[in-house]
């Protein structure tokens, strides 16, 4: 039962990880929600420990990135996006790990572990998909071009993994 709960939590967190500037990140509001604290409090702790968060650990979105993000989500929730006065901070996997040294409650520790696991899970999924795509292309190259059935299967699998 515990493994099922952990897997569900990891899946919830994986859905909060987004791609910004070519990096997988999680927004401050999503992290704060997972910790059960206001976003403002999370950012206060980060600001007090700014030297622990270089730009490859955490960065603020630009207004354009923020606008693009809101349009991708299609709706703006008053709690997360509508009421913001400042641009969101985006934390990379290393930034989330660094949060564990700033936020020291037992819940924060457990949430950090779950977030790190989600990043690792996502990395494994991406790696698995790329390995699968490579194997399919190798099989496709080896197959006889006259074998219509296999070509149809390869095309279908390629559609599924892209």
N, C-alpha and C. Protein backbone atom coordinates (compact mmCIF):
# COMPACT_ATOMS: atom_id res chain seq x y z
N UNK A 1 0.82 -1.19 0.00
CA UNK A 1 0.00 0.00 0.00
C UNK A 1 0.87 1.26 0.00
N UNK A 2 1.97 1.27 0.75
CA UNK A 2 2.85 2.42 0.82
C UNK A 2 3.45 2.72 -0.55
N UNK A 3 3.85 1.67 -1.29
CA UNK A 3 4.43 1.87 -2.61
C UNK A 3 3.41 2.51 -3.56
N UNK A 4 2.14 2.14 -3.44
CA UNK A 4 1.10 2.70 -4.27
C UNK A 4 0.93 4.20 -3.97
N UNK A 5 0.92 4.57 -2.71
CA UNK A 5 0.79 5.98 -2.32
C UNK A 5 1.98 6.77 -2.84
N UNK A 6 3.19 6.23 -2.69
CA UNK A 6 4.40 6.91 -3.18
C UNK A 6 4.32 7.08 -4.69
N UNK A 7 3.90 6.02 -5.41
CA UNK A 7 3.79 6.10 -6.87
C UNK A 7 2.77 7.16 -7.28
N UNK A 8 1.64 7.24 -6.57
CA UNK A 8 0.64 8.25 -6.89
C UNK A 8 1.20 9.64 -6.65
N UNK A 9 1.92 9.83 -5.54
CA UNK A 9 2.52 11.13 -5.26
C UNK A 9 3.54 11.51 -6.32
N UNK A 10 4.35 10.55 -6.75
CA UNK A 10 5.34 10.82 -7.79
C UNK A 10 4.62 11.23 -9.08
N UNK A 11 3.53 10.56 -9.43
CA UNK A 11 2.80 10.91 -10.64
C UNK A 11 2.19 12.31 -10.55
N UNK A 12 1.69 12.69 -9.39
CA UNK A 12 1.16 14.04 -9.19
C UNK A 12 2.27 15.06 -9.39
N UNK A 13 3.44 14.78 -8.84
CA UNK A 13 4.56 15.71 -8.95
C UNK A 13 5.08 15.77 -10.38
N UNK A 14 5.18 14.61 -11.04
CA UNK A 14 5.64 14.58 -12.44
C UNK A 14 4.77 15.50 -13.30
N UNK A 15 3.48 15.54 -13.02
CA UNK A 15 2.58 16.40 -13.78
C UNK A 15 2.82 17.88 -13.52
N UNK A 16 3.51 18.21 -12.46
CA UNK A 16 3.82 19.61 -12.14
C UNK A 16 5.16 20.05 -12.73
N UNK A 17 5.94 19.11 -13.20
CA UNK A 17 7.24 19.43 -13.80
C UNK A 17 7.00 19.89 -15.24
N UNK A 18 7.56 21.05 -15.55
CA UNK A 18 7.37 21.64 -16.88
C UNK A 18 8.73 21.93 -17.51
N UNK A 19 8.71 22.21 -18.79
CA UNK A 19 9.94 22.52 -19.51
C UNK A 19 9.99 24.02 -19.77
N UNK A 20 11.01 24.67 -19.22
CA UNK A 20 11.23 26.11 -19.42
C UNK A 20 12.71 26.30 -19.73
N UNK A 21 12.99 27.03 -20.80
CA UNK A 21 14.37 27.28 -21.24
C UNK A 21 15.14 25.98 -21.43
N UNK A 22 14.45 24.96 -21.87
CA UNK A 22 15.09 23.68 -22.12
C UNK A 22 15.43 22.88 -20.87
N UNK A 23 14.92 23.31 -19.73
CA UNK A 23 15.18 22.62 -18.47
C UNK A 23 13.88 22.16 -17.84
N UNK A 24 13.94 21.00 -17.20
CA UNK A 24 12.78 20.52 -16.44
C UNK A 24 12.79 21.24 -15.10
N UNK A 25 11.69 21.92 -14.80
CA UNK A 25 11.59 22.71 -13.57
C UNK A 25 10.22 22.51 -12.94
N UNK A 26 10.13 22.94 -11.69
CA UNK A 26 8.85 22.98 -10.99
C UNK A 26 8.72 24.38 -10.40
N UNK A 27 7.54 24.96 -10.54
CA UNK A 27 7.33 26.35 -10.11
C UNK A 27 7.19 26.46 -8.60
N UNK A 28 7.55 27.63 -8.10
CA UNK A 28 7.48 27.89 -6.66
C UNK A 28 6.09 27.65 -6.09
N UNK A 29 5.05 28.03 -6.82
CA UNK A 29 3.69 27.84 -6.32
C UNK A 29 3.34 26.36 -6.19
N UNK A 30 3.83 25.54 -7.11
CA UNK A 30 3.57 24.10 -7.02
C UNK A 30 4.33 23.48 -5.86
N UNK A 31 5.57 23.91 -5.66
CA UNK A 31 6.35 23.39 -4.53
C UNK A 31 5.70 23.81 -3.22
N UNK A 32 5.30 25.07 -3.13
CA UNK A 32 4.66 25.56 -1.91
C UNK A 32 3.38 24.78 -1.62
N UNK A 33 2.62 24.50 -2.66
CA UNK A 33 1.39 23.72 -2.49
C UNK A 33 1.71 22.33 -1.93
N UNK A 34 2.76 21.70 -2.46
CA UNK A 34 3.14 20.37 -1.97
C UNK A 34 3.59 20.42 -0.51
N UNK A 35 4.28 21.50 -0.13
CA UNK A 35 4.73 21.66 1.26
C UNK A 35 3.60 22.08 2.19
N UNK A 36 2.53 22.61 1.60
CA UNK A 36 1.42 23.10 2.41
C UNK A 36 1.71 24.45 3.04
N UNK A 37 2.50 25.29 2.33
CA UNK A 37 2.82 26.63 2.82
C UNK A 37 2.49 27.65 1.72
N UNK A 38 2.28 28.90 2.09
CA UNK A 38 2.05 29.92 1.06
C UNK A 38 3.32 30.12 0.22
N UNK A 39 3.13 30.41 -1.05
CA UNK A 39 4.25 30.64 -1.97
C UNK A 39 5.14 31.77 -1.45
N UNK A 40 4.52 32.77 -0.88
CA UNK A 40 5.27 33.92 -0.35
C UNK A 40 6.28 33.46 0.72
N UNK A 41 5.87 32.55 1.59
CA UNK A 41 6.76 32.06 2.66
C UNK A 41 7.92 31.25 2.08
N UNK A 42 7.63 30.42 1.10
CA UNK A 42 8.68 29.64 0.44
C UNK A 42 9.73 30.58 -0.16
N UNK A 43 9.24 31.58 -0.90
CA UNK A 43 10.16 32.52 -1.55
C UNK A 43 10.94 33.37 -0.55
N UNK A 44 10.34 33.66 0.60
CA UNK A 44 11.07 34.38 1.65
C UNK A 44 12.28 33.57 2.12
N UNK A 45 12.08 32.28 2.34
CA UNK A 45 13.18 31.42 2.77
C UNK A 45 14.27 31.35 1.70
N UNK A 46 13.86 31.28 0.46
CA UNK A 46 14.82 31.23 -0.64
C UNK A 46 15.61 32.54 -0.70
N UNK A 47 14.90 33.65 -0.55
CA UNK A 47 15.55 34.96 -0.61
C UNK A 47 16.56 35.13 0.54
N UNK A 48 16.22 34.61 1.72
CA UNK A 48 17.14 34.69 2.85
C UNK A 48 18.40 33.85 2.63
N UNK A 49 18.31 32.89 1.75
CA UNK A 49 19.44 31.99 1.47
C UNK A 49 19.81 32.03 -0.01
N UNK A 50 19.80 33.21 -0.57
CA UNK A 50 20.00 33.42 -2.00
C UNK A 50 21.30 32.80 -2.52
N UNK A 51 22.34 32.79 -1.71
CA UNK A 51 23.63 32.25 -2.17
C UNK A 51 23.56 30.75 -2.45
N UNK A 52 22.55 30.08 -1.94
CA UNK A 52 22.38 28.64 -2.17
C UNK A 52 21.65 28.34 -3.49
N UNK A 53 21.17 29.36 -4.17
CA UNK A 53 20.36 29.15 -5.36
C UNK A 53 20.92 29.91 -6.56
N UNK A 54 22.02 29.41 -7.13
CA UNK A 54 22.54 30.04 -8.35
C UNK A 54 21.55 29.84 -9.51
N UNK A 55 21.79 30.49 -10.63
CA UNK A 55 20.84 30.49 -11.74
C UNK A 55 20.59 29.11 -12.34
N UNK A 56 21.50 28.16 -12.15
CA UNK A 56 21.24 26.82 -12.67
C UNK A 56 20.43 25.98 -11.68
N UNK A 57 20.15 26.52 -10.49
CA UNK A 57 19.30 25.85 -9.50
C UNK A 57 17.90 26.46 -9.48
N UNK A 58 17.83 27.78 -9.73
CA UNK A 58 16.56 28.50 -9.67
C UNK A 58 16.67 29.76 -10.50
N UNK A 59 15.59 30.08 -11.20
CA UNK A 59 15.54 31.35 -11.94
C UNK A 59 14.11 31.84 -11.97
N UNK A 60 13.96 33.14 -12.17
CA UNK A 60 12.62 33.73 -12.29
C UNK A 60 12.21 33.70 -13.76
N UNK A 61 10.95 33.40 -13.98
CA UNK A 61 10.43 33.44 -15.34
C UNK A 61 10.37 34.88 -15.82
N UNK A 62 10.45 35.07 -17.12
CA UNK A 62 10.22 36.39 -17.69
C UNK A 62 8.71 36.58 -17.83
N UNK A 63 8.28 37.82 -18.08
CA UNK A 63 6.85 38.06 -18.27
C UNK A 63 6.34 37.28 -19.48
N UNK A 64 7.15 37.18 -20.53
CA UNK A 64 6.74 36.44 -21.72
C UNK A 64 6.59 34.95 -21.42
N UNK A 65 7.56 34.38 -20.70
CA UNK A 65 7.47 32.96 -20.32
C UNK A 65 6.23 32.71 -19.45
N UNK A 66 6.00 33.62 -18.53
CA UNK A 66 4.84 33.50 -17.65
C UNK A 66 3.54 33.56 -18.45
N UNK A 67 3.48 34.49 -19.40
CA UNK A 67 2.30 34.63 -20.25
C UNK A 67 2.10 33.38 -21.10
N UNK A 68 3.19 32.87 -21.69
CA UNK A 68 3.12 31.66 -22.49
C UNK A 68 2.65 30.47 -21.66
N UNK A 69 3.14 30.40 -20.44
CA UNK A 69 2.77 29.30 -19.55
C UNK A 69 1.28 29.35 -19.22
N UNK A 70 0.78 30.55 -18.93
CA UNK A 70 -0.65 30.69 -18.63
C UNK A 70 -1.49 30.30 -19.83
N UNK A 71 -1.05 30.67 -21.04
CA UNK A 71 -1.84 30.34 -22.23
C UNK A 71 -1.79 28.84 -22.53
N UNK A 72 -0.70 28.17 -22.18
CA UNK A 72 -0.61 26.71 -22.38
C UNK A 72 -1.57 25.98 -21.46
N UNK A 73 -1.73 26.50 -20.26
CA UNK A 73 -2.61 25.86 -19.28
C UNK A 73 -4.06 26.15 -19.63
N UNK A 74 -4.30 27.22 -20.37
CA UNK A 74 -5.60 27.62 -20.89
C UNK A 74 -6.47 28.37 -19.90
N UNK A 75 -6.38 28.05 -18.62
CA UNK A 75 -7.15 28.81 -17.63
C UNK A 75 -6.22 29.25 -16.53
N UNK A 76 -6.58 30.31 -15.91
CA UNK A 76 -5.76 30.88 -14.86
C UNK A 76 -6.49 30.75 -13.54
N UNK A 77 -5.93 29.99 -12.64
CA UNK A 77 -6.54 29.82 -11.33
C UNK A 77 -6.19 31.02 -10.46
N UNK A 78 -7.14 31.61 -9.77
CA UNK A 78 -6.86 32.78 -8.94
C UNK A 78 -5.83 32.48 -7.85
N UNK A 79 -5.80 31.26 -7.37
CA UNK A 79 -4.87 30.93 -6.29
C UNK A 79 -3.44 30.83 -6.79
N UNK A 80 -3.23 30.37 -8.02
CA UNK A 80 -1.87 30.15 -8.47
C UNK A 80 -1.38 31.21 -9.44
N UNK A 81 -2.18 31.59 -10.43
CA UNK A 81 -1.67 32.52 -11.43
C UNK A 81 -2.34 33.88 -11.37
N UNK A 82 -3.64 33.93 -11.19
CA UNK A 82 -4.37 35.18 -11.29
C UNK A 82 -3.95 36.24 -10.29
N UNK A 83 -3.60 35.86 -9.07
CA UNK A 83 -3.31 36.83 -8.04
C UNK A 83 -1.84 37.14 -7.87
N UNK A 84 -0.98 36.67 -8.75
CA UNK A 84 0.46 36.88 -8.59
C UNK A 84 0.85 38.31 -8.90
N UNK A 85 1.70 38.85 -8.06
CA UNK A 85 2.24 40.19 -8.31
C UNK A 85 3.68 40.11 -8.78
N UNK A 86 4.33 39.00 -8.51
CA UNK A 86 5.73 38.81 -8.91
C UNK A 86 5.82 37.60 -9.83
N UNK A 87 6.87 37.59 -10.62
CA UNK A 87 7.08 36.46 -11.52
C UNK A 87 7.42 35.21 -10.73
N UNK A 88 6.97 34.05 -11.18
CA UNK A 88 7.26 32.81 -10.46
C UNK A 88 8.73 32.44 -10.56
N UNK A 89 9.21 31.77 -9.53
CA UNK A 89 10.55 31.17 -9.57
C UNK A 89 10.41 29.74 -10.05
N UNK A 90 11.36 29.32 -10.85
CA UNK A 90 11.38 27.95 -11.37
C UNK A 90 12.59 27.25 -10.76
N UNK A 91 12.36 26.09 -10.16
CA UNK A 91 13.43 25.33 -9.50
C UNK A 91 13.79 24.11 -10.33
N UNK A 92 15.07 23.95 -10.61
CA UNK A 92 15.55 22.75 -11.28
C UNK A 92 15.66 21.64 -10.24
N UNK A 93 16.04 20.46 -10.68
CA UNK A 93 16.20 19.35 -9.74
C UNK A 93 17.21 19.68 -8.65
N UNK A 94 18.30 20.35 -9.04
CA UNK A 94 19.31 20.73 -8.05
C UNK A 94 18.77 21.78 -7.08
N UNK A 95 17.94 22.67 -7.58
CA UNK A 95 17.32 23.68 -6.72
C UNK A 95 16.39 23.06 -5.70
N UNK A 96 15.66 22.04 -6.12
CA UNK A 96 14.77 21.34 -5.19
C UNK A 96 15.59 20.65 -4.11
N UNK A 97 16.71 20.04 -4.53
CA UNK A 97 17.58 19.39 -3.55
C UNK A 97 18.12 20.42 -2.55
N UNK A 98 18.46 21.60 -3.03
CA UNK A 98 18.97 22.65 -2.15
C UNK A 98 17.90 23.14 -1.19
N UNK A 99 16.65 23.10 -1.61
CA UNK A 99 15.56 23.51 -0.72
C UNK A 99 15.57 22.70 0.58
N UNK A 100 16.02 21.47 0.52
CA UNK A 100 16.03 20.63 1.72
C UNK A 100 16.97 21.19 2.79
N UNK A 101 17.96 21.98 2.39
CA UNK A 101 18.85 22.59 3.38
C UNK A 101 18.27 23.88 3.94
N UNK A 102 17.28 24.43 3.27
CA UNK A 102 16.66 25.68 3.70
C UNK A 102 15.37 25.41 4.48
N UNK A 103 14.61 24.46 4.02
CA UNK A 103 13.34 24.10 4.65
C UNK A 103 13.56 22.80 5.41
N UNK A 104 13.52 22.87 6.71
CA UNK A 104 13.98 21.73 7.50
C UNK A 104 12.90 20.96 8.24
N UNK A 105 11.66 21.21 7.95
CA UNK A 105 10.61 20.47 8.65
C UNK A 105 10.57 19.03 8.13
N UNK A 106 10.05 18.12 8.92
CA UNK A 106 9.92 16.73 8.45
C UNK A 106 9.09 16.61 7.17
N UNK A 107 8.02 17.41 7.07
CA UNK A 107 7.19 17.37 5.86
C UNK A 107 7.99 17.85 4.65
N UNK A 108 8.77 18.92 4.83
CA UNK A 108 9.59 19.44 3.74
C UNK A 108 10.58 18.39 3.26
N UNK A 109 11.16 17.66 4.18
CA UNK A 109 12.11 16.61 3.82
C UNK A 109 11.42 15.54 2.98
N UNK A 110 10.24 15.10 3.41
CA UNK A 110 9.50 14.07 2.67
C UNK A 110 9.07 14.57 1.29
N UNK A 111 8.64 15.82 1.22
CA UNK A 111 8.24 16.39 -0.06
C UNK A 111 9.45 16.49 -0.99
N UNK A 112 10.59 16.92 -0.47
CA UNK A 112 11.80 17.00 -1.29
C UNK A 112 12.17 15.64 -1.86
N UNK A 113 12.11 14.63 -1.03
CA UNK A 113 12.43 13.28 -1.50
C UNK A 113 11.47 12.88 -2.63
N UNK A 114 10.19 13.15 -2.45
CA UNK A 114 9.20 12.80 -3.47
C UNK A 114 9.45 13.57 -4.77
N UNK A 115 9.80 14.85 -4.67
CA UNK A 115 10.07 15.65 -5.87
C UNK A 115 11.31 15.13 -6.60
N UNK A 116 12.36 14.83 -5.86
CA UNK A 116 13.58 14.30 -6.48
C UNK A 116 13.24 12.97 -7.18
N UNK A 117 12.46 12.13 -6.54
CA UNK A 117 12.05 10.86 -7.16
C UNK A 117 11.26 11.12 -8.45
N UNK A 118 10.45 12.15 -8.45
CA UNK A 118 9.67 12.47 -9.65
C UNK A 118 10.60 12.89 -10.79
N UNK A 119 11.59 13.70 -10.51
CA UNK A 119 12.56 14.09 -11.54
C UNK A 119 13.29 12.86 -12.07
N UNK A 120 13.70 11.97 -11.19
CA UNK A 120 14.40 10.75 -11.60
C UNK A 120 13.46 9.88 -12.45
N UNK A 121 12.22 9.75 -12.02
CA UNK A 121 11.23 8.96 -12.76
C UNK A 121 11.05 9.53 -14.17
N UNK A 122 10.95 10.84 -14.28
CA UNK A 122 10.79 11.49 -15.56
C UNK A 122 12.01 11.25 -16.45
N UNK A 123 13.19 11.35 -15.87
CA UNK A 123 14.42 11.11 -16.62
C UNK A 123 14.46 9.67 -17.15
N UNK A 124 14.04 8.70 -16.33
CA UNK A 124 14.00 7.30 -16.76
C UNK A 124 13.00 7.10 -17.90
N UNK A 125 11.83 7.75 -17.81
CA UNK A 125 10.84 7.63 -18.88
C UNK A 125 11.38 8.16 -20.20
N UNK A 126 12.04 9.30 -20.13
CA UNK A 126 12.60 9.90 -21.34
C UNK A 126 13.68 8.99 -21.93
N UNK A 127 14.53 8.45 -21.07
CA UNK A 127 15.59 7.55 -21.52
C UNK A 127 15.00 6.28 -22.13
N UNK A 128 13.98 5.72 -21.50
CA UNK A 128 13.34 4.50 -22.00
C UNK A 128 12.72 4.75 -23.37
N UNK A 129 12.03 5.88 -23.52
CA UNK A 129 11.42 6.20 -24.82
C UNK A 129 12.46 6.38 -25.91
N UNK A 130 13.58 7.02 -25.59
CA UNK A 130 14.60 7.22 -26.62
C UNK A 130 15.27 5.90 -26.99
N UNK A 131 15.48 5.01 -26.00
CA UNK A 131 16.05 3.69 -26.29
C UNK A 131 15.08 2.87 -27.13
N UNK A 132 13.80 2.94 -26.81
CA UNK A 132 12.79 2.21 -27.57
C UNK A 132 12.74 2.72 -29.01
N UNK A 133 12.78 4.01 -29.19
CA UNK A 133 12.76 4.59 -30.54
C UNK A 133 13.98 4.13 -31.34
N UNK A 134 15.14 4.10 -30.69
CA UNK A 134 16.37 3.66 -31.37
C UNK A 134 16.26 2.20 -31.81
N UNK A 135 15.74 1.34 -30.93
CA UNK A 135 15.59 -0.08 -31.27
C UNK A 135 14.60 -0.27 -32.41
N UNK A 136 13.53 0.49 -32.39
CA UNK A 136 12.53 0.38 -33.46
C UNK A 136 13.15 0.78 -34.79
N UNK A 137 13.91 1.86 -34.80
CA UNK A 137 14.55 2.31 -36.04
C UNK A 137 15.55 1.27 -36.54
N UNK A 138 16.27 0.62 -35.63
CA UNK A 138 17.21 -0.43 -36.02
C UNK A 138 16.47 -1.61 -36.65
N UNK A 139 15.35 -2.02 -36.02
CA UNK A 139 14.55 -3.12 -36.58
C UNK A 139 13.97 -2.74 -37.94
N UNK A 140 13.53 -1.52 -38.03
CA UNK A 140 12.95 -1.05 -39.28
C UNK A 140 13.99 -1.08 -40.40
N UNK A 141 15.21 -0.70 -40.09
CA UNK A 141 16.28 -0.69 -41.09
C UNK A 141 16.62 -2.11 -41.55
N UNK A 142 16.50 -3.08 -40.64
CA UNK A 142 16.83 -4.47 -40.97
C UNK A 142 15.73 -5.19 -41.72
N UNK A 143 14.50 -4.71 -41.62
CA UNK A 143 13.37 -5.44 -42.20
C UNK A 143 13.39 -5.36 -43.71
N UNK A 144 12.77 -6.33 -44.33
CA UNK A 144 12.63 -6.39 -45.78
C UNK A 144 11.60 -5.33 -46.19
N UNK A 145 11.96 -4.48 -47.10
CA UNK A 145 11.06 -3.41 -47.52
C UNK A 145 9.76 -3.92 -48.12
N UNK A 146 9.72 -5.18 -48.52
CA UNK A 146 8.51 -5.73 -49.13
C UNK A 146 7.53 -6.24 -48.08
N UNK A 147 7.94 -6.27 -46.84
CA UNK A 147 7.07 -6.82 -45.81
C UNK A 147 6.14 -5.72 -45.29
N UNK A 148 4.99 -5.60 -45.91
CA UNK A 148 4.03 -4.54 -45.61
C UNK A 148 3.54 -4.57 -44.17
N UNK A 149 3.29 -5.74 -43.62
CA UNK A 149 2.76 -5.84 -42.26
C UNK A 149 3.71 -5.23 -41.24
N UNK A 150 5.00 -5.54 -41.35
CA UNK A 150 5.95 -4.99 -40.40
C UNK A 150 6.10 -3.48 -40.55
N UNK A 151 6.03 -3.01 -41.78
CA UNK A 151 6.12 -1.57 -41.98
C UNK A 151 4.94 -0.85 -41.32
N UNK A 152 3.76 -1.44 -41.41
CA UNK A 152 2.59 -0.85 -40.76
C UNK A 152 2.75 -0.84 -39.25
N UNK A 153 3.28 -1.92 -38.70
CA UNK A 153 3.51 -2.00 -37.25
C UNK A 153 4.54 -0.95 -36.83
N UNK A 154 5.63 -0.83 -37.56
CA UNK A 154 6.66 0.17 -37.23
C UNK A 154 6.09 1.59 -37.25
N UNK A 155 5.29 1.88 -38.28
CA UNK A 155 4.70 3.22 -38.37
C UNK A 155 3.78 3.49 -37.18
N UNK A 156 2.98 2.50 -36.82
CA UNK A 156 2.07 2.65 -35.70
C UNK A 156 2.82 2.86 -34.38
N UNK A 157 3.85 2.08 -34.16
CA UNK A 157 4.66 2.23 -32.92
C UNK A 157 5.33 3.59 -32.91
N UNK A 158 5.87 4.01 -34.03
CA UNK A 158 6.51 5.33 -34.10
C UNK A 158 5.54 6.45 -33.76
N UNK A 159 4.30 6.33 -34.22
CA UNK A 159 3.28 7.33 -33.88
C UNK A 159 3.01 7.36 -32.37
N UNK A 160 3.01 6.18 -31.78
CA UNK A 160 2.72 6.09 -30.35
C UNK A 160 3.82 6.70 -29.49
N UNK A 161 5.08 6.56 -29.89
CA UNK A 161 6.17 7.05 -29.03
C UNK A 161 6.56 8.48 -29.31
N UNK A 162 6.02 9.09 -30.34
CA UNK A 162 6.39 10.49 -30.63
C UNK A 162 5.35 11.43 -30.11
